[in-house]
Amino acid sequence: MNIKAHQDFPQAKLLSLNKILDKSPMLKFLAVEIEFLSPGFSRIRIPFRSNFLQGFGVVQGGIIATAGDTAAGIAFLTLIKPNETMATIDLKINFLAPVKTGDIFIEGKIIHKGSLISLGEFEVKTCEGILKAKGMSTLISRKIKKREYEKLFAK
């Protein structure tokens, strides 16, 4: 995955993130493009596809919620250690306006990093910068053994 990151972003962390993100079938399905990363922040783009539309001709809410959760999750990945995994344990989203066409751009930011539970927020916008949805993710991290980590990311 081609990722642009802040110039001070550690190269080893970027390689670790690439390894994790390349293993995600959901990111491939959505064709997620990571536009920018910095510690606790991500900006991603999801290209529009007509099969994202529901019966009334707007992007299905689950796609938008997944996009927001993805951006917050990637932002969280920039903060956790290589011996940790993470998951979303709660997600709240407010849909402000429908997305009818065009790529969607999502910014995710971690607003609180705890030792176990963290809180992220995200905004979903059009290419013109029009806010379409805003949400929050509660995320959990847990340590894993080196053996388990290696098994997860064995080629």
C-alpha atoms as a PDB file:
ATOM      1  CA  MET A   1       0.000   0.000   0.000  1.00  0.00           C
ATOM      2  CA  ASN A   2       1.403   3.414  -0.935  1.00  0.00           C
ATOM      3  CA  ILE A   3       1.180   5.602   2.165  1.00  0.00           C
ATOM      4  CA  LYS A   4       2.179   9.243   2.488  1.00  0.00           C
ATOM      5  CA  ALA A   5       3.218  10.057   6.018  1.00  0.00           C
ATOM      6  CA  HIS A   6       4.459  13.078   7.933  1.00  0.00           C
ATOM      7  CA  GLN A   7       8.205  13.507   7.431  1.00  0.00           C
ATOM      8  CA  ASP A   8       8.878  12.711  11.100  1.00  0.00           C
ATOM      9  CA  PHE A   9       6.781   9.526  11.036  1.00  0.00           C
ATOM     10  CA  PRO A  10       9.066   6.582  11.951  1.00  0.00           C
ATOM     11  CA  GLN A  11       9.953   4.441   8.938  1.00  0.00           C
ATOM     12  CA  ALA A  12       9.825   1.221  11.005  1.00  0.00           C
ATOM     13  CA  LYS A  13       6.264   2.062  12.108  1.00  0.00           C
ATOM     14  CA  LEU A  14       5.284   2.737   8.477  1.00  0.00           C
ATOM     15  CA  LEU A  15       6.612  -0.684   7.428  1.00  0.00           C
ATOM     16  CA  SER A  16       4.728  -2.346  10.293  1.00  0.00           C
ATOM     17  CA  LEU A  17       1.499  -0.553   9.304  1.00  0.00           C
ATOM     18  CA  ASN A  18       1.925  -1.610   5.687  1.00  0.00           C
ATOM     19  CA  LYS A  19       2.238  -5.223   6.803  1.00  0.00           C
ATOM     20  CA  ILE A  20      -0.974  -5.001   8.836  1.00  0.00           C
ATOM     21  CA  LEU A  21      -2.992  -3.043   6.261  1.00  0.00           C
ATOM     22  CA  ASP A  22      -1.933  -5.244   3.341  1.00  0.00           C
ATOM     23  CA  LYS A  23      -3.517  -8.233   5.141  1.00  0.00           C
ATOM     24  CA  SER A  24      -6.964  -6.590   5.300  1.00  0.00           C
ATOM     25  CA  PRO A  25      -9.508  -7.904   2.773  1.00  0.00           C
ATOM     26  CA  MET A  26     -11.921  -5.103   3.767  1.00  0.00           C
ATOM     27  CA  LEU A  27      -9.435  -2.387   2.786  1.00  0.00           C
ATOM     28  CA  LYS A  28      -8.988  -4.120  -0.554  1.00  0.00           C
ATOM     29  CA  PHE A  29     -12.754  -4.462  -1.040  1.00  0.00           C
ATOM     30  CA  LEU A  30     -13.290  -0.750  -0.359  1.00  0.00           C
ATOM     31  CA  ALA A  31     -10.150   0.148  -2.396  1.00  0.00           C
ATOM     32  CA  VAL A  32      -8.988   2.362   0.496  1.00  0.00           C
ATOM     33  CA  GLU A  33      -6.211   4.790  -0.350  1.00  0.00           C
ATOM     34  CA  ILE A  34      -4.279   6.229   2.564  1.00  0.00           C
ATOM     35  CA  GLU A  35      -3.530   9.816   1.649  1.00  0.00           C
ATOM     36  CA  PHE A  36      -1.710  10.900   4.803  1.00  0.00           C
ATOM     37  CA  LEU A  37      -0.653   9.635   8.216  1.00  0.00           C
ATOM     38  CA  SER A  38       0.790  11.216  11.308  1.00  0.00           C
ATOM     39  CA  PRO A  39       0.724   9.945  14.899  1.00  0.00           C
ATOM     40  CA  GLY A  40      -2.954   9.626  15.885  1.00  0.00           C
ATOM     41  CA  PHE A  41      -4.268  10.890  12.518  1.00  0.00           C
ATOM     42  CA  SER A  42      -5.225   9.421   9.150  1.00  0.00           C
ATOM     43  CA  ARG A  43      -6.755  10.794   5.975  1.00  0.00           C
ATOM     44  CA  ILE A  44      -8.122   8.191   3.575  1.00  0.00           C
ATOM     45  CA  ARG A  45     -10.016   8.191   0.295  1.00  0.00           C
ATOM     46  CA  ILE A  46     -12.513   5.618  -0.893  1.00  0.00           C
ATOM     47  CA  PRO A  47     -13.264   5.740  -4.611  1.00  0.00           C
ATOM     48  CA  PHE A  48     -16.966   5.869  -5.470  1.00  0.00           C
ATOM     49  CA  ARG A  49     -18.511   2.699  -6.868  1.00  0.00           C
ATOM     50  CA  SER A  50     -22.083   2.357  -8.016  1.00  0.00           C
ATOM     51  CA  ASN A  51     -22.492  -0.881  -6.027  1.00  0.00           C
ATOM     52  CA  PHE A  52     -22.170   1.232  -2.835  1.00  0.00           C
ATOM     53  CA  LEU A  53     -25.603   2.725  -3.600  1.00  0.00           C
ATOM     54  CA  GLN A  54     -28.781   1.594  -1.876  1.00  0.00           C
ATOM     55  CA  GLY A  55     -32.224   1.549  -3.509  1.00  0.00           C
ATOM     56  CA  PHE A  56     -32.821   5.309  -3.225  1.00  0.00           C
ATOM     57  CA  GLY A  57     -29.643   6.174  -5.133  1.00  0.00           C
ATOM     58  CA  VAL A  58     -27.394   7.229  -2.236  1.00  0.00           C
ATOM     59  CA  VAL A  59     -24.360   5.531  -0.704  1.00  0.00           C
ATOM     60  CA  GLN A  60     -25.527   2.969   1.842  1.00  0.00           C
ATOM     61  CA  GLY A  61     -24.933   4.089   5.433  1.00  0.00           C
ATOM     62  CA  GLY A  62     -22.949   0.976   6.294  1.00  0.00           C
ATOM     63  CA  ILE A  63     -20.312   1.902   3.718  1.00  0.00           C
ATOM     64  CA  ILE A  64     -19.996   5.384   5.223  1.00  0.00           C
ATOM     65  CA  ALA A  65     -19.840   4.011   8.789  1.00  0.00           C
ATOM     66  CA  THR A  66     -17.224   1.454   7.734  1.00  0.00           C
ATOM     67  CA  ALA A  67     -15.201   4.228   6.088  1.00  0.00           C
ATOM     68  CA  GLY A  68     -15.262   6.274   9.301  1.00  0.00           C
ATOM     69  CA  ASP A  69     -14.388   3.287  11.455  1.00  0.00           C
ATOM     70  CA  THR A  70     -11.523   2.477   9.086  1.00  0.00           C
ATOM     71  CA  ALA A  71     -10.054   5.994   9.286  1.00  0.00           C
ATOM     72  CA  ALA A  72     -10.253   6.039  13.093  1.00  0.00           C
ATOM     73  CA  GLY A  73      -8.798   2.527  13.255  1.00  0.00           C
ATOM     74  CA  ILE A  74      -5.853   3.423  11.019  1.00  0.00           C
ATOM     75  CA  ALA A  75      -5.218   6.539  13.140  1.00  0.00           C
ATOM     76  CA  PHE A  76      -5.190   4.277  16.209  1.00  0.00           C
ATOM     77  CA  LEU A  77      -2.762   1.849  14.558  1.00  0.00           C
ATOM     78  CA  THR A  78      -0.231   4.682  14.331  1.00  0.00           C
ATOM     79  CA  LEU A  79      -0.164   4.825  18.145  1.00  0.00           C
ATOM     80  CA  ILE A  80      -0.132   1.192  19.280  1.00  0.00           C
ATOM     81  CA  LYS A  81       2.967  -0.930  19.731  1.00  0.00           C
ATOM     82  CA  PRO A  82       3.969  -3.784  17.398  1.00  0.00           C
ATOM     83  CA  ASN A  83       2.990  -6.310  20.092  1.00  0.00           C
ATOM     84  CA  GLU A  84      -0.604  -5.017  20.289  1.00  0.00           C
ATOM     85  CA  THR A  85      -3.770  -5.686  18.355  1.00  0.00           C
ATOM     86  CA  MET A  86      -6.818  -3.456  18.286  1.00  0.00           C
ATOM     87  CA  ALA A  87     -10.547  -3.515  17.653  1.00  0.00           C
ATOM     88  CA  THR A  88     -13.497  -1.142  17.659  1.00  0.00           C
ATOM     89  CA  ILE A  89     -15.812  -1.822  20.589  1.00  0.00           C
ATOM     90  CA  ASP A  90     -18.323   0.973  19.959  1.00  0.00           C
ATOM     91  CA  LEU A  91     -19.191   3.166  16.992  1.00  0.00           C
ATOM     92  CA  LYS A  92     -21.498   6.171  16.797  1.00  0.00           C
ATOM     93  CA  ILE A  93     -22.204   8.068  13.603  1.00  0.00           C
ATOM     94  CA  ASN A  94     -24.384  11.014  12.655  1.00  0.00           C
ATOM     95  CA  PHE A  95     -25.350  11.135   8.984  1.00  0.00           C
ATOM     96  CA  LEU A  96     -25.683  14.793   8.021  1.00  0.00           C
ATOM     97  CA  ALA A  97     -26.366  14.595   4.284  1.00  0.00           C
ATOM     98  CA  PRO A  98     -26.528  11.841   1.653  1.00  0.00           C
ATOM     99  CA  VAL A  99     -23.590  10.931  -0.555  1.00  0.00           C
ATOM    100  CA  LYS A 100     -24.881  10.444  -4.090  1.00  0.00           C
ATOM    101  CA  THR A 101     -21.713  10.253  -6.155  1.00  0.00           C
ATOM    102  CA  GLY A 102     -18.008  10.972  -6.021  1.00  0.00           C
ATOM    103  CA  ASP A 103     -15.157   9.710  -3.897  1.00  0.00           C
ATOM    104  CA  ILE A 104     -15.419  10.059  -0.150  1.00  0.00           C
ATOM    105  CA  PHE A 105     -12.653  11.457   2.020  1.00  0.00           C
ATOM    106  CA  ILE A 106     -12.387  10.571   5.670  1.00  0.00           C
ATOM    107  CA  GLU A 107     -10.194  11.984   8.415  1.00  0.00           C
ATOM    108  CA  GLY A 108      -9.746   9.955  11.579  1.00  0.00           C
ATOM    109  CA  LYS A 109      -8.168  11.283  14.750  1.00  0.00           C
ATOM    110  CA  ILE A 110      -7.480   9.773  18.154  1.00  0.00           C
ATOM    111  CA  ILE A 111      -8.619  12.250  20.789  1.00  0.00           C
ATOM    112  CA  HIS A 112      -7.779  10.095  23.818  1.00  0.00           C
ATOM    113  CA  LYS A 113      -5.230   7.276  24.008  1.00  0.00           C
ATOM    114  CA  GLY A 114      -5.611   5.153  27.110  1.00  0.00           C
ATOM    115  CA  SER A 115      -3.660   2.106  28.197  1.00  0.00           C
ATOM    116  CA  LEU A 116      -6.628  -0.125  27.269  1.00  0.00           C
ATOM    117  CA  ILE A 117      -9.505   1.993  25.904  1.00  0.00           C
ATOM    118  CA  SER A 118      -9.093   4.907  23.484  1.00  0.00           C
ATOM    119  CA  LEU A 119     -11.455   7.318  21.758  1.00  0.00           C
ATOM    120  CA  GLY A 120     -11.348   8.377  18.121  1.00  0.00           C
ATOM    121  CA  GLU A 121     -13.420  10.672  15.952  1.00  0.00           C
ATOM    122  CA  PHE A 122     -13.909  10.908  12.224  1.00  0.00           C
ATOM    123  CA  GLU A 123     -15.414  13.141   9.553  1.00  0.00           C
ATOM    124  CA  VAL A 124     -16.658  11.969   6.166  1.00  0.00           C
ATOM    125  CA  LYS A 125     -16.526  14.599   3.413  1.00  0.00           C
ATOM    126  CA  THR A 126     -16.895  15.003  -0.333  1.00  0.00           C
ATOM    127  CA  CYS A 127     -14.018  16.053  -2.582  1.00  0.00           C
ATOM    128  CA  GLU A 128     -15.372  19.602  -2.213  1.00  0.00           C
ATOM    129  CA  GLY A 129     -14.927  19.335   1.566  1.00  0.00           C
ATOM    130  CA  ILE A 130     -18.662  19.167   2.346  1.00  0.00           C
ATOM    131  CA  LEU A 131     -19.250  17.353   5.642  1.00  0.00           C
ATOM    132  CA  LYS A 132     -21.552  14.346   5.138  1.00  0.00           C
ATOM    133  CA  ALA A 133     -21.127  12.426   8.415  1.00  0.00           C
ATOM    134  CA  LYS A 134     -19.354  12.707  11.752  1.00  0.00           C
ATOM    135  CA  GLY A 135     -18.751   9.982  14.272  1.00  0.00           C
ATOM    136  CA  MET A 136     -16.820   8.527  17.161  1.00  0.00           C
ATOM    137  CA  SER A 137     -15.123   5.175  17.727  1.00  0.00           C
ATOM    138  CA  THR A 138     -14.228   3.567  21.010  1.00  0.00           C
ATOM    139  CA  LEU A 139     -11.213   1.347  20.487  1.00  0.00           C
ATOM    140  CA  ILE A 140      -9.473  -1.272  22.576  1.00  0.00           C
ATOM    141  CA  SER A 141      -5.907  -2.507  22.378  1.00  0.00           C
ATOM    142  CA  ARG A 142      -4.375  -5.613  23.856  1.00  0.00           C
ATOM    143  CA  LYS A 143      -0.908  -7.076  23.994  1.00  0.00           C
ATOM    144  CA  ILE A 144      -0.210 -10.271  22.117  1.00  0.00           C
ATOM    145  CA  LYS A 145       2.684 -12.682  22.367  1.00  0.00           C
ATOM    146  CA  LYS A 146       5.410 -12.472  19.739  1.00  0.00           C
ATOM    147  CA  ARG A 147       4.496 -15.984  18.550  1.00  0.00           C
ATOM    148  CA  GLU A 148       0.851 -14.910  18.020  1.00  0.00           C
ATOM    149  CA  TYR A 149       1.948 -11.736  16.180  1.00  0.00           C
ATOM    150  CA  GLU A 150       4.240 -13.721  13.895  1.00  0.00           C
ATOM    151  CA  LYS A 151       1.457 -16.201  13.152  1.00  0.00           C
ATOM    152  CA  LEU A 152      -0.912 -13.337  12.219  1.00  0.00           C
ATOM    153  CA  PHE A 153       1.549 -11.834   9.768  1.00  0.00           C
ATOM    154  CA  ALA A 154       3.360 -14.887   8.379  1.00  0.00           C
ATOM    155  CA  LYS A 155       3.475 -14.791   4.605  1.00  0.00           C
END
